[in-house]
Amino acid sequence: MIKLFVKNKDALAYSVEKQIKENKEYYVLGIYTESEHKINTFQWLYIDPETDTIYEYDLPNDKLIKFP
């Protein structure tokens, strides 16, 4: 999905925060676009600071999937 936004030359932005999920602390990267003061977050990435493993957040199923 990121490739599509870059191809369309949409401006991307991100936020970084710490969150606890399933009793483990992660750095969370939210990637979004903004238009007319409206934010559309289209990707949530969870980063395990102990292993540097990246997970994609599956919103409908509320689970983390190892990022390819």
PDB file of N, CA and C in Angstrom:
ATOM      1  N   MET A   1       0.819  -1.185   0.000  1.00  0.00           N
ATOM      2  CA  MET A   1       0.000   0.000   0.000  1.00  0.00           C
ATOM      3  C   MET A   1       0.874   1.264   0.000  1.00  0.00           C
ATOM      4  N   ILE A   2       1.988   1.201   0.694  1.00  0.00           N
ATOM      5  CA  ILE A   2       2.886   2.359   0.729  1.00  0.00           C
ATOM      6  C   ILE A   2       3.351   2.704  -0.683  1.00  0.00           C
ATOM      7  N   LYS A   3       3.659   1.672  -1.473  1.00  0.00           N
ATOM      8  CA  LYS A   3       4.110   1.904  -2.851  1.00  0.00           C
ATOM      9  C   LYS A   3       3.070   2.696  -3.644  1.00  0.00           C
ATOM     10  N   LEU A   4       1.792   2.412  -3.441  1.00  0.00           N
ATOM     11  CA  LEU A   4       0.719   3.122  -4.137  1.00  0.00           C
ATOM     12  C   LEU A   4       0.721   4.601  -3.765  1.00  0.00           C
ATOM     13  N   PHE A   5       0.856   4.905  -2.484  1.00  0.00           N
ATOM     14  CA  PHE A   5       0.873   6.298  -2.051  1.00  0.00           C
ATOM     15  C   PHE A   5       2.097   7.031  -2.589  1.00  0.00           C
ATOM     16  N   VAL A   6       3.238   6.357  -2.612  1.00  0.00           N
ATOM     17  CA  VAL A   6       4.458   6.981  -3.139  1.00  0.00           C
ATOM     18  C   VAL A   6       4.311   7.208  -4.639  1.00  0.00           C
ATOM     19  N   LYS A   7       3.767   6.228  -5.342  1.00  0.00           N
ATOM     20  CA  LYS A   7       3.554   6.357  -6.789  1.00  0.00           C
ATOM     21  C   LYS A   7       2.650   7.541  -7.114  1.00  0.00           C
ATOM     22  N   ASN A   8       1.629   7.738  -6.288  1.00  0.00           N
ATOM     23  CA  ASN A   8       0.687   8.855  -6.487  1.00  0.00           C
ATOM     24  C   ASN A   8       1.228  10.173  -5.943  1.00  0.00           C
ATOM     25  N   LYS A   9       2.432  10.124  -5.394  1.00  0.00           N
ATOM     26  CA  LYS A   9       3.104  11.297  -4.830  1.00  0.00           C
ATOM     27  C   LYS A   9       2.334  11.923  -3.667  1.00  0.00           C
ATOM     28  N   ASP A  10       1.606  11.074  -2.949  1.00  0.00           N
ATOM     29  CA  ASP A  10       0.928  11.533  -1.742  1.00  0.00           C
ATOM     30  C   ASP A  10       1.975  11.749  -0.651  1.00  0.00           C
ATOM     31  N   ALA A  11       1.786  12.762   0.144  1.00  0.00           N
ATOM     32  CA  ALA A  11       2.702  13.022   1.254  1.00  0.00           C
ATOM     33  C   ALA A  11       2.400  12.036   2.375  1.00  0.00           C
ATOM     34  N   LEU A  12       3.426  11.348   2.825  1.00  0.00           N
ATOM     35  CA  LEU A  12       3.269  10.411   3.924  1.00  0.00           C
ATOM     36  C   LEU A  12       3.802  11.034   5.205  1.00  0.00           C
ATOM     37  N   ALA A  13       3.205  10.635   6.313  1.00  0.00           N
ATOM     38  CA  ALA A  13       3.662  11.081   7.620  1.00  0.00           C
ATOM     39  C   ALA A  13       3.630   9.867   8.544  1.00  0.00           C
ATOM     40  N   TYR A  14       4.233  10.019   9.707  1.00  0.00           N
ATOM     41  CA  TYR A  14       4.253   8.897  10.641  1.00  0.00           C
ATOM     42  C   TYR A  14       4.237   9.408  12.071  1.00  0.00           C
ATOM     43  N   SER A  15       3.841   8.512  12.946  1.00  0.00           N
ATOM     44  CA  SER A  15       3.900   8.777  14.379  1.00  0.00           C
ATOM     45  C   SER A  15       4.598   7.587  15.023  1.00  0.00           C
ATOM     46  N   VAL A  16       5.274   7.843  16.128  1.00  0.00           N
ATOM     47  CA  VAL A  16       5.973   6.780  16.857  1.00  0.00           C
ATOM     48  C   VAL A  16       5.574   6.879  18.326  1.00  0.00           C
ATOM     49  N   GLU A  17       5.259   5.744  18.909  1.00  0.00           N
ATOM     50  CA  GLU A  17       4.910   5.713  20.327  1.00  0.00           C
ATOM     51  C   GLU A  17       5.239   4.339  20.886  1.00  0.00           C
ATOM     52  N   LYS A  18       5.170   4.207  22.190  1.00  0.00           N
ATOM     53  CA  LYS A  18       5.341   2.914  22.845  1.00  0.00           C
ATOM     54  C   LYS A  18       3.963   2.414  23.256  1.00  0.00           C
ATOM     55  N   GLN A  19       3.754   1.118  23.077  1.00  0.00           N
ATOM     56  CA  GLN A  19       2.492   0.507  23.490  1.00  0.00           C
ATOM     57  C   GLN A  19       2.776  -0.882  24.042  1.00  0.00           C
ATOM     58  N   ILE A  20       1.882  -1.326  24.893  1.00  0.00           N
ATOM     59  CA  ILE A  20       1.962  -2.690  25.409  1.00  0.00           C
ATOM     60  C   ILE A  20       0.858  -3.500  24.757  1.00  0.00           C
ATOM     61  N   LYS A  21       1.248  -4.626  24.188  1.00  0.00           N
ATOM     62  CA  LYS A  21       0.293  -5.542  23.566  1.00  0.00           C
ATOM     63  C   LYS A  21       0.662  -6.943  24.022  1.00  0.00           C
ATOM     64  N   GLU A  22      -0.312  -7.652  24.537  1.00  0.00           N
ATOM     65  CA  GLU A  22      -0.101  -9.015  25.023  1.00  0.00           C
ATOM     66  C   GLU A  22       1.049  -9.076  26.023  1.00  0.00           C
ATOM     67  N   ASN A  23       1.055  -8.116  26.960  1.00  0.00           N
ATOM     68  CA  ASN A  23       2.044  -8.035  28.043  1.00  0.00           C
ATOM     69  C   ASN A  23       3.470  -7.807  27.573  1.00  0.00           C
ATOM     70  N   LYS A  24       3.655  -7.240  26.396  1.00  0.00           N
ATOM     71  CA  LYS A  24       4.984  -6.964  25.857  1.00  0.00           C
ATOM     72  C   LYS A  24       4.999  -5.535  25.323  1.00  0.00           C
ATOM     73  N   GLU A  25       6.106  -4.833  25.569  1.00  0.00           N
ATOM     74  CA  GLU A  25       6.214  -3.455  25.101  1.00  0.00           C
ATOM     75  C   GLU A  25       6.800  -3.415  23.690  1.00  0.00           C
ATOM     76  N   TYR A  26       6.185  -2.608  22.841  1.00  0.00           N
ATOM     77  CA  TYR A  26       6.614  -2.430  21.460  1.00  0.00           C
ATOM     78  C   TYR A  26       6.737  -0.943  21.148  1.00  0.00           C
ATOM     79  N   TYR A  27       7.565  -0.636  20.163  1.00  0.00           N
ATOM     80  CA  TYR A  27       7.511   0.671  19.524  1.00  0.00           C
ATOM     81  C   TYR A  27       6.490   0.528  18.404  1.00  0.00           C
ATOM     82  N   VAL A  28       5.598   1.494  18.282  1.00  0.00           N
ATOM     83  CA  VAL A  28       4.552   1.411  17.270  1.00  0.00           C
ATOM     84  C   VAL A  28       4.718   2.574  16.299  1.00  0.00           C
ATOM     85  N   LEU A  29       4.781   2.232  15.030  1.00  0.00           N
ATOM     86  CA  LEU A  29       4.930   3.204  13.961  1.00  0.00           C
ATOM     87  C   LEU A  29       3.616   3.236  13.189  1.00  0.00           C
ATOM     88  N   GLY A  30       2.957   4.384  13.183  1.00  0.00           N
ATOM     89  CA  GLY A  30       1.735   4.567  12.411  1.00  0.00           C
ATOM     90  C   GLY A  30       2.045   5.382  11.169  1.00  0.00           C
ATOM     91  N   ILE A  31       1.743   4.847   9.999  1.00  0.00           N
ATOM     92  CA  ILE A  31       2.013   5.542   8.743  1.00  0.00           C
ATOM     93  C   ILE A  31       0.683   6.032   8.198  1.00  0.00           C
ATOM     94  N   TYR A  32       0.641   7.318   7.843  1.00  0.00           N
ATOM     95  CA  TYR A  32      -0.637   7.899   7.444  1.00  0.00           C
ATOM     96  C   TYR A  32      -0.475   8.983   6.387  1.00  0.00           C
ATOM     97  N   THR A  33      -1.610   9.338   5.794  1.00  0.00           N
ATOM     98  CA  THR A  33      -1.701  10.497   4.909  1.00  0.00           C
ATOM     99  C   THR A  33      -2.641  11.484   5.590  1.00  0.00           C
ATOM    100  N   GLU A  34      -2.532  12.719   5.194  1.00  0.00           N
ATOM    101  CA  GLU A  34      -3.388  13.761   5.780  1.00  0.00           C
ATOM    102  C   GLU A  34      -3.929  14.626   4.656  1.00  0.00           C
ATOM    103  N   SER A  35      -5.241  14.832   4.670  1.00  0.00           N
ATOM    104  CA  SER A  35      -5.854  15.717   3.682  1.00  0.00           C
ATOM    105  C   SER A  35      -7.012  16.454   4.337  1.00  0.00           C
ATOM    106  N   GLU A  36      -7.081  17.733   4.071  1.00  0.00           N
ATOM    107  CA  GLU A  36      -8.142  18.579   4.634  1.00  0.00           C
ATOM    108  C   GLU A  36      -8.312  18.340   6.136  1.00  0.00           C
ATOM    109  N   HIS A  37      -7.198  18.305   6.850  1.00  0.00           N
ATOM    110  CA  HIS A  37      -7.174  18.138   8.308  1.00  0.00           C
ATOM    111  C   HIS A  37      -7.746  16.792   8.756  1.00  0.00           C
ATOM    112  N   LYS A  38      -7.704  15.816   7.867  1.00  0.00           N
ATOM    113  CA  LYS A  38      -8.192  14.479   8.174  1.00  0.00           C
ATOM    114  C   LYS A  38      -7.026  13.504   8.048  1.00  0.00           C
ATOM    115  N   ILE A  39      -6.823  12.690   9.065  1.00  0.00           N
ATOM    116  CA  ILE A  39      -5.717  11.731   9.077  1.00  0.00           C
ATOM    117  C   ILE A  39      -6.250  10.344   8.739  1.00  0.00           C
ATOM    118  N   ASN A  40      -5.565   9.685   7.796  1.00  0.00           N
ATOM    119  CA  ASN A  40      -5.921   8.330   7.395  1.00  0.00           C
ATOM    120  C   ASN A  40      -4.723   7.414   7.659  1.00  0.00           C
ATOM    121  N   THR A  41      -4.739   6.739   8.797  1.00  0.00           N
ATOM    122  CA  THR A  41      -3.662   5.802   9.116  1.00  0.00           C
ATOM    123  C   THR A  41      -3.937   4.509   8.367  1.00  0.00           C
ATOM    124  N   PHE A  42      -2.998   4.118   7.514  1.00  0.00           N
ATOM    125  CA  PHE A  42      -3.222   2.926   6.706  1.00  0.00           C
ATOM    126  C   PHE A  42      -2.285   1.779   7.068  1.00  0.00           C
ATOM    127  N   GLN A  43      -1.340   2.018   7.958  1.00  0.00           N
ATOM    128  CA  GLN A  43      -0.408   0.954   8.329  1.00  0.00           C
ATOM    129  C   GLN A  43       0.064   1.159   9.765  1.00  0.00           C
ATOM    130  N   TRP A  44      -0.021   0.108  10.563  1.00  0.00           N
ATOM    131  CA  TRP A  44       0.534   0.100  11.910  1.00  0.00           C
ATOM    132  C   TRP A  44       1.608  -0.968  11.958  1.00  0.00           C
ATOM    133  N   LEU A  45       2.813  -0.586  12.328  1.00  0.00           N
ATOM    134  CA  LEU A  45       3.913  -1.532  12.465  1.00  0.00           C
ATOM    135  C   LEU A  45       4.372  -1.556  13.920  1.00  0.00           C
ATOM    136  N   TYR A  46       4.502  -2.739  14.469  1.00  0.00           N
ATOM    137  CA  TYR A  46       4.967  -2.929  15.841  1.00  0.00           C
ATOM    138  C   TYR A  46       6.395  -3.450  15.767  1.00  0.00           C
ATOM    139  N   ILE A  47       7.290  -2.840  16.513  1.00  0.00           N
ATOM    140  CA  ILE A  47       8.692  -3.229  16.507  1.00  0.00           C
ATOM    141  C   ILE A  47       9.073  -3.716  17.903  1.00  0.00           C
ATOM    142  N   ASP A  48       9.546  -4.946  17.968  1.00  0.00           N
ATOM    143  CA  ASP A  48       9.994  -5.528  19.227  1.00  0.00           C
ATOM    144  C   ASP A  48      11.403  -5.003  19.495  1.00  0.00           C
ATOM    145  N   PRO A  49      11.603  -4.175  20.523  1.00  0.00           N
ATOM    146  CA  PRO A  49      12.923  -3.588  20.763  1.00  0.00           C
ATOM    147  C   PRO A  49      13.986  -4.597  21.211  1.00  0.00           C
ATOM    148  N   GLU A  50      13.565  -5.753  21.684  1.00  0.00           N
ATOM    149  CA  GLU A  50      14.524  -6.764  22.128  1.00  0.00           C
ATOM    150  C   GLU A  50      15.109  -7.554  20.957  1.00  0.00           C
ATOM    151  N   THR A  51      14.288  -7.791  19.922  1.00  0.00           N
ATOM    152  CA  THR A  51      14.734  -8.631  18.796  1.00  0.00           C
ATOM    153  C   THR A  51      14.789  -7.870  17.470  1.00  0.00           C
ATOM    154  N   ASP A  52      14.296  -6.628  17.468  1.00  0.00           N
ATOM    155  CA  ASP A  52      14.175  -5.832  16.246  1.00  0.00           C
ATOM    156  C   ASP A  52      13.256  -6.473  15.205  1.00  0.00           C
ATOM    157  N   THR A  53      12.394  -7.362  15.634  1.00  0.00           N
ATOM    158  CA  THR A  53      11.419  -7.990  14.744  1.00  0.00           C
ATOM    159  C   THR A  53      10.278  -7.005  14.503  1.00  0.00           C
ATOM    160  N   ILE A  54       9.828  -6.939  13.261  1.00  0.00           N
ATOM    161  CA  ILE A  54       8.747  -6.026  12.880  1.00  0.00           C
ATOM    162  C   ILE A  54       7.482  -6.843  12.627  1.00  0.00           C
ATOM    163  N   TYR A  55       6.374  -6.348  13.151  1.00  0.00           N
ATOM    164  CA  TYR A  55       5.075  -6.985  12.962  1.00  0.00           C
ATOM    165  C   TYR A  55       4.105  -5.974  12.373  1.00  0.00           C
ATOM    166  N   GLU A  56       3.240  -6.466  11.511  1.00  0.00           N
ATOM    167  CA  GLU A  56       2.150  -5.646  10.970  1.00  0.00           C
ATOM    168  C   GLU A  56       0.925  -5.920  11.833  1.00  0.00           C
ATOM    169  N   TYR A  57       0.189  -4.867  12.147  1.00  0.00           N
ATOM    170  CA  TYR A  57      -1.013  -5.036  12.965  1.00  0.00           C
ATOM    171  C   TYR A  57      -2.187  -5.367  12.065  1.00  0.00           C
ATOM    172  N   ASP A  58      -2.838  -6.493  12.341  1.00  0.00           N
ATOM    173  CA  ASP A  58      -4.035  -6.926  11.628  1.00  0.00           C
ATOM    174  C   ASP A  58      -5.240  -6.436  12.435  1.00  0.00           C
ATOM    175  N   LEU A  59      -5.762  -5.294  12.042  1.00  0.00           N
ATOM    176  CA  LEU A  59      -6.840  -4.644  12.799  1.00  0.00           C
ATOM    177  C   LEU A  59      -8.096  -5.508  12.929  1.00  0.00           C
ATOM    178  N   PRO A  60      -8.631  -6.094  11.829  1.00  0.00           N
ATOM    179  CA  PRO A  60      -9.872  -6.875  11.974  1.00  0.00           C
ATOM    180  C   PRO A  60      -9.750  -8.051  12.936  1.00  0.00           C
ATOM    181  N   ASN A  61      -8.554  -8.640  12.993  1.00  0.00           N
ATOM    182  CA  ASN A  61      -8.368  -9.807  13.857  1.00  0.00           C
ATOM    183  C   ASN A  61      -7.621  -9.482  15.149  1.00  0.00           C
ATOM    184  N   ASP A  62      -7.262  -8.205  15.326  1.00  0.00           N
ATOM    185  CA  ASP A  62      -6.563  -7.742  16.517  1.00  0.00           C
ATOM    186  C   ASP A  62      -5.364  -8.614  16.868  1.00  0.00           C
ATOM    187  N   LYS A  63      -4.483  -8.825  15.860  1.00  0.00           N
ATOM    188  CA  LYS A  63      -3.287  -9.612  16.125  1.00  0.00           C
ATOM    189  C   LYS A  63      -2.110  -9.083  15.328  1.00  0.00           C
ATOM    190  N   LEU A  64      -0.925  -9.481  15.750  1.00  0.00           N
ATOM    191  CA  LEU A  64       0.297  -9.079  15.068  1.00  0.00           C
ATOM    192  C   LEU A  64       0.749 -10.199  14.141  1.00  0.00           C
ATOM    193  N   ILE A  65       1.183  -9.791  12.936  1.00  0.00           N
ATOM    194  CA  ILE A  65       1.677 -10.732  11.940  1.00  0.00           C
ATOM    195  C   ILE A  65       3.100 -10.316  11.604  1.00  0.00           C
ATOM    196  N   LYS A  66       4.009 -11.289  11.657  1.00  0.00           N
ATOM    197  CA  LYS A  66       5.410 -10.981  11.350  1.00  0.00           C
ATOM    198  C   LYS A  66       5.512 -10.373   9.958  1.00  0.00           C
ATOM    199  N   PHE A  67       6.206  -9.231   9.894  1.00  0.00           N
ATOM    200  CA  PHE A  67       6.344  -8.496   8.631  1.00  0.00           C
ATOM    201  C   PHE A  67       7.307  -9.252   7.722  1.00  0.00           C
ATOM    202  N   PRO A  68       6.939  -9.398   6.438  1.00  0.00           N
ATOM    203  CA  PRO A  68       7.793 -10.174   5.515  1.00  0.00           C
ATOM    204  C   PRO A  68       9.160  -9.600   5.311  1.00  0.00           C
TER     205      PRO A  68
END
